[in-house]
């Protein structure tokens, strides 16, 4: 950890500090973001973990938690957003445990320097996969009191035959050629979000491109192995709330589904795997919701916050 010097953030009224997380005999940066002058005091807090090709920009999510009396912190994982450094492969990891290390460092900061006594771990998409694994076996999992998973990335969104044939092949390739680029993603989801296109939200396209950053074979291997662990069953002791969109869709071009369904992941996978996360899992569905439920159009966004409150 480089210390607890908080610097002005790219988001107005927020600030951030850099964590130097031990990595291969040296360190790598992760970044924690908080409100510069939090309206909330007390020991309850939430730590938000974003998804792949993502970073924290959802200031209204912070405001929601603060209205409940919960202090808000967000973690930009290594090689993402504020933590992306020159020469790094954006959003790359070869081992999901690297992200668990980032979460441990953030929790350590919150406890040692921020006075956090009760913690909700909130993960979206890949961050949801990370949060689930952390609550199951993370080094500081006993410091996590509850978990909220927003459309967690618990399984690849692939046809059954591709999951059976392609996933093992790509995973093997990822061990040998980890930096190999995989086919790109559609820009439809990004366009549905960004205010300069068809969405409501402003975010930095250098940190969150419309079609995301290229996925790499090594990243695929890391995710595949993590998802295999989930498929085998976890033992999360804390209460878990898992929310997902009411349905998934697979549009090839712009249509109404883009604004009213999860076009990134299959919600049926989340429903199927949720019971295996632990013994205290509650699952909710948000009609009209999209992949990141808190970025959905109204009234789905309000419904998401209703269920979370």
Protein backbone atom coordinates (compact mmCIF):
# COMPACT_ATOMS: atom_id res chain seq x y z
CA UNK A 1 0.00 0.00 0.00
CA UNK A 2 1.42 3.40 -0.99
CA UNK A 3 -0.26 5.13 1.93
CA UNK A 4 -3.62 6.77 2.43
CA UNK A 5 -3.12 9.99 0.53
CA UNK A 6 -6.43 10.79 -1.13
CA UNK A 7 -6.30 12.76 -4.38
CA UNK A 8 -9.07 14.51 -6.34
CA UNK A 9 -10.80 12.09 -8.69
CA UNK A 10 -12.04 12.41 -12.26
CA UNK A 11 -15.54 12.30 -10.76
CA UNK A 12 -16.60 15.54 -9.13
CA UNK A 13 -16.92 15.28 -5.33
CA UNK A 14 -14.94 12.03 -5.22
CA UNK A 15 -11.33 11.21 -4.41
CA UNK A 16 -9.10 8.15 -4.73
CA UNK A 17 -6.05 6.49 -3.27
CA UNK A 18 -3.68 3.96 -4.83
CA UNK A 19 -2.98 0.56 -3.31
CA UNK A 20 0.36 -1.10 -4.06
CA UNK A 21 -0.70 -4.75 -4.04
CA UNK A 22 2.06 -7.39 -3.75
CA UNK A 23 2.55 -9.11 -7.11
CA UNK A 24 5.34 -11.43 -8.30
CA UNK A 25 8.00 -10.03 -6.02
CA UNK A 26 6.99 -6.43 -6.66
CA UNK A 27 3.68 -4.55 -6.56
CA UNK A 28 0.85 -3.63 -8.91
CA UNK A 29 -1.65 -0.82 -8.52
CA UNK A 30 -5.31 -1.04 -7.62
CA UNK A 31 -7.33 2.06 -6.75
CA UNK A 32 -10.01 2.78 -4.13
CA UNK A 33 -12.50 5.62 -4.70
CA UNK A 34 -14.66 7.35 -2.09
CA UNK A 35 -16.80 10.46 -1.65
CA UNK A 36 -14.52 13.41 -0.81
CA UNK A 37 -16.86 14.62 1.92
CA UNK A 38 -19.11 11.71 2.78
CA UNK A 39 -22.50 12.68 4.21
CA UNK A 40 -22.41 9.45 6.20
CA UNK A 41 -20.54 8.53 9.36
CA UNK A 42 -20.52 5.26 11.24
CA UNK A 43 -18.98 1.87 10.68
CA UNK A 44 -21.18 0.44 7.90
CA UNK A 45 -19.75 0.51 4.38
CA UNK A 46 -20.00 -1.06 0.93
CA UNK A 47 -17.11 -1.99 -1.34
CA UNK A 48 -18.14 -2.02 -5.01
CA UNK A 49 -16.24 -4.15 -7.56
CA UNK A 50 -16.86 -3.47 -11.28
CA UNK A 51 -16.95 -5.84 -14.24
CA UNK A 52 -14.68 -6.62 -17.20
CA UNK A 53 -13.96 -3.64 -19.46
CA UNK A 54 -15.33 -1.40 -16.74
CA UNK A 55 -14.48 0.94 -13.86
CA UNK A 56 -16.42 2.87 -11.22
CA UNK A 57 -18.44 5.81 -12.57
CA UNK A 58 -21.93 5.11 -11.15
CA UNK A 59 -22.15 8.02 -8.72
CA UNK A 60 -25.89 7.48 -8.25
CA UNK A 61 -25.08 4.05 -6.77
CA UNK A 62 -22.94 5.78 -4.16
CA UNK A 63 -25.78 8.21 -3.42
CA UNK A 64 -28.22 5.31 -2.99
CA UNK A 65 -26.06 3.63 -0.36
CA UNK A 66 -25.33 6.92 1.41
CA UNK A 67 -29.07 7.58 1.69
CA UNK A 68 -29.27 4.29 3.60
CA UNK A 69 -26.52 5.42 5.98
CA UNK A 70 -23.82 3.25 4.38
CA UNK A 71 -20.47 4.71 3.36
CA UNK A 72 -19.49 3.97 -0.24
CA UNK A 73 -16.15 2.80 -1.59
CA UNK A 74 -15.35 1.47 -5.06
CA UNK A 75 -12.37 -0.61 -6.17
CA UNK A 76 -10.84 -0.25 -9.61
CA UNK A 77 -9.09 -3.60 -10.06
CA UNK A 78 -5.55 -3.86 -11.41
CA UNK A 79 -5.24 -2.94 -15.09
CA UNK A 80 -8.73 -1.38 -15.09
CA UNK A 81 -9.82 2.25 -15.13
CA UNK A 82 -7.85 4.41 -12.72
CA UNK A 83 -5.45 1.51 -12.07
CA UNK A 84 -4.51 0.95 -15.74
CA UNK A 85 -0.85 1.80 -16.30
CA UNK A 86 1.22 2.39 -19.43
CA UNK A 87 2.45 -0.87 -20.95
CA UNK A 88 -0.19 -3.04 -19.29
CA UNK A 89 -2.68 -5.19 -21.20
CA UNK A 90 -5.99 -3.52 -20.31
CA UNK A 91 -8.24 -5.62 -18.07
CA UNK A 92 -5.99 -8.68 -18.31
CA UNK A 93 -5.48 -11.32 -15.66
CA UNK A 94 -4.17 -14.86 -15.88
CA UNK A 95 -5.50 -15.82 -12.45
CA UNK A 96 -8.70 -14.71 -10.71
CA UNK A 97 -6.82 -14.83 -7.39
CA UNK A 98 -5.04 -11.64 -8.46
CA UNK A 99 -8.36 -9.85 -8.06
CA UNK A 100 -8.91 -11.47 -4.68
CA UNK A 101 -5.60 -9.89 -3.65
CA UNK A 102 -6.90 -6.49 -4.74
CA UNK A 103 -10.06 -6.97 -2.69
CA UNK A 104 -8.01 -8.01 0.35
CA UNK A 105 -5.89 -4.86 0.04
CA UNK A 106 -9.00 -2.70 -0.20
CA UNK A 107 -10.64 -4.33 2.82
CA UNK A 108 -7.41 -3.87 4.76
CA UNK A 109 -7.46 -0.16 3.93
CA UNK A 110 -11.10 0.23 4.96
CA UNK A 111 -10.55 -1.46 8.28
CA UNK A 112 -7.19 0.04 9.19
CA UNK A 113 -7.77 3.62 8.05
CA UNK A 114 -11.50 4.15 7.44
CA UNK A 115 -13.03 2.67 10.59
CA UNK A 116 -15.22 0.19 8.73
CA UNK A 117 -16.84 -2.35 11.07
CA UNK A 118 -19.58 -3.83 8.84
CA UNK A 119 -19.00 -4.46 5.14
CA UNK A 120 -21.21 -5.28 2.16
CA UNK A 121 -19.28 -6.61 -0.84
CA UNK A 122 -21.10 -5.51 -4.03
CA UNK A 123 -19.89 -7.03 -7.31
CA UNK A 124 -21.15 -6.56 -10.86
CA UNK A 125 -20.59 -9.10 -13.68
CA UNK A 126 -16.93 -10.22 -13.44
CA UNK A 127 -16.85 -8.29 -10.17
CA UNK A 128 -19.75 -10.48 -9.07
CA UNK A 129 -17.72 -13.59 -9.83
CA UNK A 130 -14.83 -12.09 -7.85
CA UNK A 131 -17.11 -11.15 -4.94
CA UNK A 132 -18.62 -14.63 -4.78
CA UNK A 133 -15.22 -16.32 -4.75
CA UNK A 134 -13.93 -13.83 -2.20
CA UNK A 135 -16.81 -14.46 0.18
CA UNK A 136 -16.18 -18.20 -0.26
CA UNK A 137 -12.40 -18.33 0.24
CA UNK A 138 -10.88 -14.83 0.25
CA UNK A 139 -8.20 -14.25 2.91
CA UNK A 140 -10.36 -11.65 4.69
CA UNK A 141 -13.75 -13.22 3.99
CA UNK A 142 -14.60 -13.10 7.71
CA UNK A 143 -14.54 -9.30 7.38
CA UNK A 144 -17.35 -9.42 4.79
CA UNK A 145 -20.81 -9.35 6.36
CA UNK A 146 -23.08 -9.55 3.30
CA UNK A 147 -22.81 -9.87 -0.48
CA UNK A 148 -24.76 -8.26 -3.32
CA UNK A 149 -24.25 -9.72 -6.80
CA UNK A 150 -25.52 -7.62 -9.70
CA UNK A 151 -25.74 -9.90 -12.78
CA UNK A 152 -22.69 -11.96 -11.79
CA UNK A 153 -20.56 -13.63 -14.49
CA UNK A 154 -21.02 -17.17 -13.20
CA UNK A 155 -20.90 -18.90 -16.59
CA UNK A 156 -19.92 -18.15 -20.18
CA UNK A 157 -22.80 -17.03 -22.38
CA UNK A 158 -22.22 -19.68 -25.05
CA UNK A 159 -24.31 -22.40 -26.70
CA UNK A 160 -24.01 -25.79 -24.98
CA UNK A 161 -21.85 -27.31 -27.72
CA UNK A 162 -19.39 -24.42 -27.53
CA UNK A 163 -19.20 -24.73 -23.75
CA UNK A 164 -18.45 -28.44 -24.14
CA UNK A 165 -15.92 -28.13 -26.97
CA UNK A 166 -14.65 -24.57 -27.26
CA UNK A 167 -14.16 -23.65 -23.59
CA UNK A 168 -11.61 -26.42 -22.84
CA UNK A 169 -9.72 -25.65 -26.06
CA UNK A 170 -9.52 -21.90 -25.41
CA UNK A 171 -8.56 -22.56 -21.81
CA UNK A 172 -5.67 -24.77 -22.96
CA UNK A 173 -4.58 -22.12 -25.48
CA UNK A 174 -4.68 -19.55 -22.68
CA UNK A 175 -2.08 -21.50 -20.75
CA UNK A 176 0.31 -21.53 -23.72
CA UNK A 177 -0.40 -18.15 -25.37
CA UNK A 178 -2.07 -16.05 -22.66
CA UNK A 179 -1.92 -12.76 -24.58
CA UNK A 180 -3.67 -14.13 -27.69
CA UNK A 181 -6.56 -11.85 -28.65
CA UNK A 182 -10.02 -13.38 -28.89
CA UNK A 183 -12.80 -12.16 -31.23
CA UNK A 184 -14.20 -8.78 -30.24
CA UNK A 185 -17.52 -7.97 -28.63
CA UNK A 186 -20.47 -6.04 -30.03
CA UNK A 187 -20.69 -2.33 -29.26
CA UNK A 188 -24.48 -2.45 -28.78
CA UNK A 189 -24.33 -2.64 -24.99
CA UNK A 190 -21.84 0.22 -24.74
CA UNK A 191 -23.95 2.34 -27.10
CA UNK A 192 -27.02 1.68 -24.96
CA UNK A 193 -25.21 3.18 -21.96
CA UNK A 194 -23.18 6.15 -23.19
CA UNK A 195 -24.85 9.56 -23.34
CA UNK A 196 -23.11 10.43 -26.63
CA UNK A 197 -24.81 7.46 -28.28
CA UNK A 198 -28.17 6.03 -27.12
CA UNK A 199 -27.72 6.02 -23.35
CA UNK A 200 -27.94 8.20 -20.26
CA UNK A 201 -24.48 7.88 -18.74
CA UNK A 202 -21.16 9.65 -19.11
CA UNK A 203 -18.01 7.57 -18.76
CA UNK A 204 -14.46 7.63 -20.10
CA UNK A 205 -14.26 5.65 -23.34
CA UNK A 206 -10.51 5.27 -22.83
CA UNK A 207 -11.31 3.20 -19.73
CA UNK A 208 -14.60 1.67 -20.90
CA UNK A 209 -14.71 1.45 -24.72
CA UNK A 210 -18.08 0.86 -26.33
CA UNK A 211 -17.05 -2.63 -27.47
CA UNK A 212 -14.77 -3.23 -24.50
CA UNK A 213 -11.10 -4.13 -24.62
CA UNK A 214 -9.98 -7.28 -26.44
CA UNK A 215 -10.36 -10.36 -24.29
CA UNK A 216 -7.23 -12.52 -24.14
CA UNK A 217 -6.87 -16.29 -24.04
CA UNK A 218 -5.16 -16.13 -20.64
CA UNK A 219 -8.07 -14.11 -19.27
CA UNK A 220 -10.51 -16.66 -20.70
CA UNK A 221 -8.60 -19.45 -18.97
CA UNK A 222 -8.69 -17.59 -15.64
CA UNK A 223 -12.43 -16.98 -15.90
CA UNK A 224 -13.13 -20.52 -17.08
CA UNK A 225 -11.30 -21.97 -14.07
CA UNK A 226 -13.08 -19.60 -11.68
CA UNK A 227 -16.45 -20.50 -13.14
CA UNK A 228 -15.65 -24.20 -12.86
CA UNK A 229 -15.09 -23.58 -9.16
CA UNK A 230 -18.51 -21.94 -8.91
CA UNK A 231 -20.12 -24.82 -10.81
CA UNK A 232 -18.67 -27.21 -8.24
CA UNK A 233 -20.43 -25.32 -5.46
CA UNK A 234 -19.29 -22.66 -3.00
CA UNK A 235 -19.90 -22.33 0.74
CA UNK A 236 -20.54 -18.64 1.24
CA UNK A 237 -21.55 -18.19 4.86
CA UNK A 238 -22.82 -14.62 4.52
CA UNK A 239 -26.27 -13.68 3.23
CA UNK A 240 -26.19 -13.18 -0.54
CA UNK A 241 -28.59 -11.18 -2.70
CA UNK A 242 -28.31 -11.98 -6.41
CA UNK A 243 -30.27 -9.79 -8.81
CA UNK A 244 -30.52 -10.21 -12.56
CA UNK A 245 -32.54 -8.90 -15.48
CA UNK A 246 -35.92 -10.43 -16.23
CA UNK A 247 -34.64 -11.97 -19.44
CA UNK A 248 -31.66 -12.24 -21.77
CA UNK A 249 -31.55 -11.47 -25.49
CA UNK A 250 -29.01 -11.81 -28.29
CA UNK A 251 -29.63 -8.96 -30.75
CA UNK A 252 -27.35 -8.68 -33.77
CA UNK A 253 -28.41 -5.09 -34.41
CA UNK A 254 -30.14 -2.33 -32.48
CA UNK A 255 -33.66 -3.14 -31.29
CA UNK A 256 -35.83 -2.72 -28.19
CA UNK A 257 -34.18 -5.69 -26.45
CA UNK A 258 -30.97 -3.72 -26.02
CA UNK A 259 -32.68 -1.41 -23.53
CA UNK A 260 -34.79 -3.99 -21.71
CA UNK A 261 -32.80 -7.24 -21.41
CA UNK A 262 -29.38 -8.57 -20.46
CA UNK A 263 -27.59 -8.80 -23.81
CA UNK A 264 -24.25 -9.73 -22.21
CA UNK A 265 -24.97 -12.79 -20.04
CA UNK A 266 -27.64 -15.49 -19.76
CA UNK A 267 -29.86 -14.92 -16.73
CA UNK A 268 -30.80 -18.62 -16.78
CA UNK A 269 -27.19 -19.43 -15.85
CA UNK A 270 -27.43 -17.13 -12.83
CA UNK A 271 -30.69 -18.76 -11.71
CA UNK A 272 -29.21 -22.23 -12.15
CA UNK A 273 -25.98 -21.55 -10.27
CA UNK A 274 -27.27 -19.27 -7.50
CA UNK A 275 -28.38 -22.07 -5.12
CA UNK A 276 -24.87 -23.51 -5.15
CA UNK A 277 -23.25 -20.31 -3.88
CA UNK A 278 -24.21 -20.85 -0.25
CA UNK A 279 -27.04 -21.61 2.15
CA UNK A 280 -28.41 -18.05 2.46
CA UNK A 281 -28.92 -16.95 -1.14
CA UNK A 282 -31.87 -14.82 -2.24
CA UNK A 283 -32.47 -14.34 -5.97
CA UNK A 284 -34.46 -11.53 -7.56
CA UNK A 285 -35.44 -10.70 -11.13
CA UNK A 286 -35.89 -7.17 -12.50
CA UNK A 287 -38.28 -6.89 -15.43
CA UNK A 288 -36.92 -4.50 -18.04
CA UNK A 289 -33.47 -4.54 -16.48
CA UNK A 290 -30.22 -4.64 -18.46
CA UNK A 291 -26.87 -6.25 -17.68
CA UNK A 292 -25.78 -3.62 -15.17
CA UNK A 293 -29.07 -3.29 -13.36
CA UNK A 294 -28.25 0.06 -11.77
CA UNK A 295 -27.82 1.53 -15.28
CA UNK A 296 -31.22 0.27 -16.47
CA UNK A 297 -33.89 2.62 -17.76
CA UNK A 298 -36.69 3.51 -15.38
CA UNK A 299 -38.71 1.92 -13.85
CA UNK A 300 -36.30 -1.06 -13.81
CA UNK A 301 -33.59 1.00 -12.13
CA UNK A 302 -35.90 2.03 -9.30
CA UNK A 303 -37.04 -1.58 -8.92
CA UNK A 304 -33.41 -2.67 -8.56
CA UNK A 305 -32.85 -0.22 -5.74
CA UNK A 306 -36.14 -1.28 -4.14
CA UNK A 307 -35.00 -4.88 -3.99
CA UNK A 308 -31.57 -3.89 -2.71
CA UNK A 309 -32.88 -1.61 0.02
